[in-house]
Structure formats: C-alpha cells, structure tokens
Amino acid sequence: MTNRSLTYVPDEIKSYLPSGWSLIDEAGRWDPKRATWTIRVLDVADQDWPVAVKAADAEKLGRMAALKLAMDRVYREGLG
C-alpha cells in the first residue's frame, strides 16, 4: 500500500464521523513522503480537526479499519 496512494470517498468518511460532525471538503490529500492520507473535519462547535490515515495502518488493519482508528483518535482528542 505504501507504493500507491490511499483514498476514501466522502460516504466512507461520513460513515465514521461522530453525530453532528461534517467534512470541510469532500476530497482528502495523499502525502507520498509521509505515506499518509489526510482530510479536515468539523466538530459540532465548528472546530476543525485533521484526520490522518497512515498507509502502514491501512496495510496492517485494512482501509476502513485504519480510517476508523484515525477518526477515533480525533474524536477522543476533541473530547479532551
């Protein structure tokens, strides 16, 4: 997976967003140097958060499990 880009469609991302959260834009960005896909999301207080999915996590856990893991990290950070 690290030799190719990692992508998600908006419906895949939205399926893991907590209730009331939304996407800032519908397209994430692949960083080949860091082998990480990122997108920014908004919480219910309109604070934006970066969601970063590492290609290594996607390779180890699977694409969707890696997205869930990244979203869970952001959600826990948002809760404080």
N, C-alpha and C. Protein backbone atom coordinates (compact mmCIF):
# COMPACT_ATOMS: atom_id res chain seq x y z
N MET A 1 0.83 -1.19 0.00
CA MET A 1 0.00 0.00 0.00
C MET A 1 0.87 1.26 0.00
N THR A 2 2.06 1.19 0.54
CA THR A 2 2.89 2.38 0.65
C THR A 2 3.39 2.86 -0.71
N ASN A 3 3.36 2.02 -1.74
CA ASN A 3 3.81 2.43 -3.07
C ASN A 3 2.71 3.10 -3.87
N ARG A 4 1.49 3.09 -3.39
CA ARG A 4 0.40 3.75 -4.09
C ARG A 4 -0.39 4.60 -3.12
N SER A 5 -1.19 5.47 -3.67
CA SER A 5 -1.93 6.39 -2.81
C SER A 5 -3.12 5.71 -2.15
N LEU A 6 -3.52 6.27 -1.05
CA LEU A 6 -4.66 5.81 -0.27
C LEU A 6 -5.74 6.86 -0.43
N THR A 7 -6.96 6.45 -0.73
CA THR A 7 -8.05 7.40 -0.89
C THR A 7 -9.33 6.85 -0.28
N TYR A 8 -10.23 7.77 0.00
CA TYR A 8 -11.56 7.44 0.51
C TYR A 8 -12.59 8.30 -0.20
N VAL A 9 -13.76 7.76 -0.41
CA VAL A 9 -14.86 8.56 -0.97
C VAL A 9 -15.61 9.20 0.19
N PRO A 10 -16.31 10.32 -0.06
CA PRO A 10 -17.00 11.04 1.03
C PRO A 10 -17.93 10.16 1.88
N ASP A 11 -18.66 9.25 1.26
CA ASP A 11 -19.57 8.39 2.04
C ASP A 11 -18.82 7.50 3.03
N GLU A 12 -17.63 7.04 2.65
CA GLU A 12 -16.83 6.23 3.57
C GLU A 12 -16.41 7.05 4.78
N ILE A 13 -16.00 8.28 4.55
CA ILE A 13 -15.56 9.15 5.64
C ILE A 13 -16.74 9.50 6.54
N LYS A 14 -17.84 9.90 5.93
CA LYS A 14 -19.03 10.29 6.70
C LYS A 14 -19.55 9.14 7.56
N SER A 15 -19.34 7.91 7.12
CA SER A 15 -19.85 6.77 7.89
C SER A 15 -19.15 6.63 9.24
N TYR A 16 -17.97 7.22 9.40
CA TYR A 16 -17.25 7.16 10.67
C TYR A 16 -17.25 8.48 11.44
N LEU A 17 -17.84 9.53 10.88
CA LEU A 17 -17.90 10.80 11.60
C LEU A 17 -18.88 10.70 12.76
N PRO A 18 -18.52 11.25 13.91
CA PRO A 18 -19.48 11.30 15.02
C PRO A 18 -20.70 12.14 14.64
N SER A 19 -21.79 11.91 15.30
CA SER A 19 -23.02 12.64 15.04
C SER A 19 -22.79 14.15 15.17
N GLY A 20 -23.23 14.91 14.17
CA GLY A 20 -23.09 16.36 14.19
C GLY A 20 -21.81 16.87 13.56
N TRP A 21 -20.85 16.00 13.29
CA TRP A 21 -19.60 16.40 12.65
C TRP A 21 -19.80 16.39 11.14
N SER A 22 -18.95 17.16 10.43
CA SER A 22 -19.08 17.23 8.97
C SER A 22 -17.71 17.38 8.32
N LEU A 23 -17.71 17.20 7.01
CA LEU A 23 -16.48 17.38 6.22
C LEU A 23 -16.31 18.84 5.85
N ILE A 24 -15.09 19.33 5.89
CA ILE A 24 -14.80 20.68 5.41
C ILE A 24 -14.80 20.66 3.88
N ASP A 25 -14.13 19.67 3.32
CA ASP A 25 -14.17 19.46 1.88
C ASP A 25 -14.37 17.97 1.65
N GLU A 26 -14.69 17.60 0.45
CA GLU A 26 -15.02 16.21 0.16
C GLU A 26 -13.81 15.39 -0.29
N ALA A 27 -12.69 16.05 -0.52
CA ALA A 27 -11.51 15.34 -1.01
C ALA A 27 -10.36 15.50 -0.02
N GLY A 28 -9.80 14.38 0.36
CA GLY A 28 -8.62 14.41 1.21
C GLY A 28 -7.37 14.55 0.36
N ARG A 29 -6.25 14.55 1.02
CA ARG A 29 -4.97 14.69 0.31
C ARG A 29 -4.04 13.55 0.68
N TRP A 30 -3.38 13.03 -0.31
CA TRP A 30 -2.38 11.99 -0.12
C TRP A 30 -1.01 12.64 -0.10
N ASP A 31 -0.22 12.36 0.94
CA ASP A 31 1.15 12.85 1.04
C ASP A 31 2.08 11.66 0.84
N PRO A 32 2.68 11.54 -0.34
CA PRO A 32 3.52 10.38 -0.61
C PRO A 32 4.78 10.31 0.26
N LYS A 33 5.30 11.45 0.67
CA LYS A 33 6.50 11.45 1.51
C LYS A 33 6.22 10.87 2.89
N ARG A 34 5.05 11.20 3.43
CA ARG A 34 4.67 10.70 4.76
C ARG A 34 3.83 9.43 4.68
N ALA A 35 3.44 9.05 3.47
CA ALA A 35 2.57 7.89 3.24
C ALA A 35 1.32 7.99 4.13
N THR A 36 0.70 9.17 4.06
CA THR A 36 -0.46 9.47 4.90
C THR A 36 -1.51 10.21 4.08
N TRP A 37 -2.76 9.81 4.28
CA TRP A 37 -3.90 10.50 3.68
C TRP A 37 -4.56 11.33 4.77
N THR A 38 -4.86 12.60 4.48
CA THR A 38 -5.47 13.48 5.48
C THR A 38 -6.69 14.20 4.91
N ILE A 39 -7.58 14.52 5.81
CA ILE A 39 -8.75 15.34 5.49
C ILE A 39 -9.09 16.12 6.75
N ARG A 40 -9.75 17.26 6.59
CA ARG A 40 -10.15 18.07 7.74
C ARG A 40 -11.64 17.94 7.93
N VAL A 41 -12.04 17.81 9.19
CA VAL A 41 -13.45 17.68 9.55
C VAL A 41 -13.81 18.73 10.59
N LEU A 42 -15.10 19.03 10.69
CA LEU A 42 -15.60 20.00 11.67
C LEU A 42 -16.39 19.27 12.74
N ASP A 43 -16.15 19.65 14.01
CA ASP A 43 -16.97 19.09 15.09
C ASP A 43 -18.22 19.95 15.28
N VAL A 44 -19.04 19.63 16.26
CA VAL A 44 -20.30 20.35 16.47
C VAL A 44 -20.09 21.81 16.87
N ALA A 45 -18.91 22.16 17.36
CA ALA A 45 -18.60 23.54 17.73
C ALA A 45 -17.87 24.28 16.61
N ASP A 46 -17.87 23.69 15.41
CA ASP A 46 -17.21 24.25 14.23
C ASP A 46 -15.70 24.39 14.38
N GLN A 47 -15.10 23.57 15.21
CA GLN A 47 -13.65 23.50 15.29
C GLN A 47 -13.19 22.46 14.27
N ASP A 48 -12.15 22.80 13.51
CA ASP A 48 -11.71 21.83 12.52
C ASP A 48 -10.59 20.96 13.08
N TRP A 49 -10.59 19.72 12.63
CA TRP A 49 -9.65 18.70 13.08
C TRP A 49 -9.07 17.97 11.88
N PRO A 50 -7.77 17.69 11.91
CA PRO A 50 -7.19 16.88 10.84
C PRO A 50 -7.35 15.39 11.16
N VAL A 51 -7.80 14.64 10.20
CA VAL A 51 -7.87 13.19 10.31
C VAL A 51 -6.78 12.65 9.40
N ALA A 52 -5.85 11.89 9.96
CA ALA A 52 -4.72 11.36 9.20
C ALA A 52 -4.71 9.84 9.25
N VAL A 53 -4.74 9.22 8.08
CA VAL A 53 -4.71 7.76 7.97
C VAL A 53 -3.36 7.37 7.38
N LYS A 54 -2.60 6.61 8.14
CA LYS A 54 -1.29 6.17 7.68
C LYS A 54 -1.44 4.94 6.79
N ALA A 55 -0.67 4.93 5.72
CA ALA A 55 -0.71 3.79 4.80
C ALA A 55 -0.31 2.50 5.53
N ALA A 56 0.61 2.60 6.46
CA ALA A 56 1.03 1.41 7.22
C ALA A 56 -0.14 0.83 8.02
N ASP A 57 -0.98 1.70 8.60
CA ASP A 57 -2.17 1.23 9.32
C ASP A 57 -3.16 0.57 8.37
N ALA A 58 -3.33 1.17 7.19
CA ALA A 58 -4.25 0.61 6.20
C ALA A 58 -3.77 -0.75 5.71
N GLU A 59 -2.48 -0.89 5.57
CA GLU A 59 -1.92 -2.16 5.13
C GLU A 59 -2.07 -3.23 6.22
N LYS A 60 -1.86 -2.83 7.44
CA LYS A 60 -1.92 -3.77 8.56
C LYS A 60 -3.36 -4.13 8.95
N LEU A 61 -4.24 -3.11 9.02
CA LEU A 61 -5.59 -3.30 9.53
C LEU A 61 -6.67 -3.40 8.45
N GLY A 62 -6.37 -2.84 7.26
CA GLY A 62 -7.36 -2.69 6.20
C GLY A 62 -7.74 -1.23 6.09
N ARG A 63 -8.20 -0.83 4.91
CA ARG A 63 -8.52 0.58 4.66
C ARG A 63 -9.53 1.16 5.64
N MET A 64 -10.65 0.49 5.79
CA MET A 64 -11.74 1.03 6.60
C MET A 64 -11.40 1.00 8.10
N ALA A 65 -10.74 -0.04 8.54
CA ALA A 65 -10.33 -0.10 9.95
C ALA A 65 -9.32 1.00 10.27
N ALA A 66 -8.44 1.30 9.33
CA ALA A 66 -7.46 2.37 9.53
C ALA A 66 -8.17 3.73 9.59
N LEU A 67 -9.20 3.92 8.76
CA LEU A 67 -9.97 5.17 8.81
C LEU A 67 -10.69 5.28 10.15
N LYS A 68 -11.28 4.20 10.60
CA LYS A 68 -11.98 4.20 11.90
C LYS A 68 -11.00 4.54 13.03
N LEU A 69 -9.83 3.94 13.01
CA LEU A 69 -8.81 4.21 14.02
C LEU A 69 -8.42 5.69 14.03
N ALA A 70 -8.20 6.27 12.86
CA ALA A 70 -7.83 7.68 12.76
C ALA A 70 -8.96 8.58 13.25
N MET A 71 -10.19 8.23 12.89
CA MET A 71 -11.34 9.03 13.32
C MET A 71 -11.53 8.93 14.84
N ASP A 72 -11.34 7.74 15.39
CA ASP A 72 -11.45 7.57 16.84
C ASP A 72 -10.42 8.41 17.58
N ARG A 73 -9.21 8.48 17.05
CA ARG A 73 -8.16 9.30 17.68
C ARG A 73 -8.59 10.77 17.73
N VAL A 74 -9.10 11.26 16.61
CA VAL A 74 -9.53 12.66 16.54
C VAL A 74 -10.70 12.92 17.49
N TYR A 75 -11.65 12.01 17.51
CA TYR A 75 -12.82 12.16 18.38
C TYR A 75 -12.42 12.19 19.86
N ARG A 76 -11.52 11.31 20.26
CA ARG A 76 -11.05 11.29 21.67
C ARG A 76 -10.29 12.58 21.99
N GLU A 77 -9.50 13.07 21.04
CA GLU A 77 -8.79 14.32 21.26
C GLU A 77 -9.76 15.48 21.38
N GLY A 78 -10.82 15.45 20.59
CA GLY A 78 -11.83 16.51 20.64
C GLY A 78 -12.58 16.52 21.96
N LEU A 79 -12.75 15.35 22.57
CA LEU A 79 -13.42 15.27 23.85
C LEU A 79 -12.56 15.77 25.00
N GLY A 80 -11.24 15.77 24.76
CA GLY A 80 -10.33 16.25 25.78
C GLY A 80 -9.94 15.18 26.68
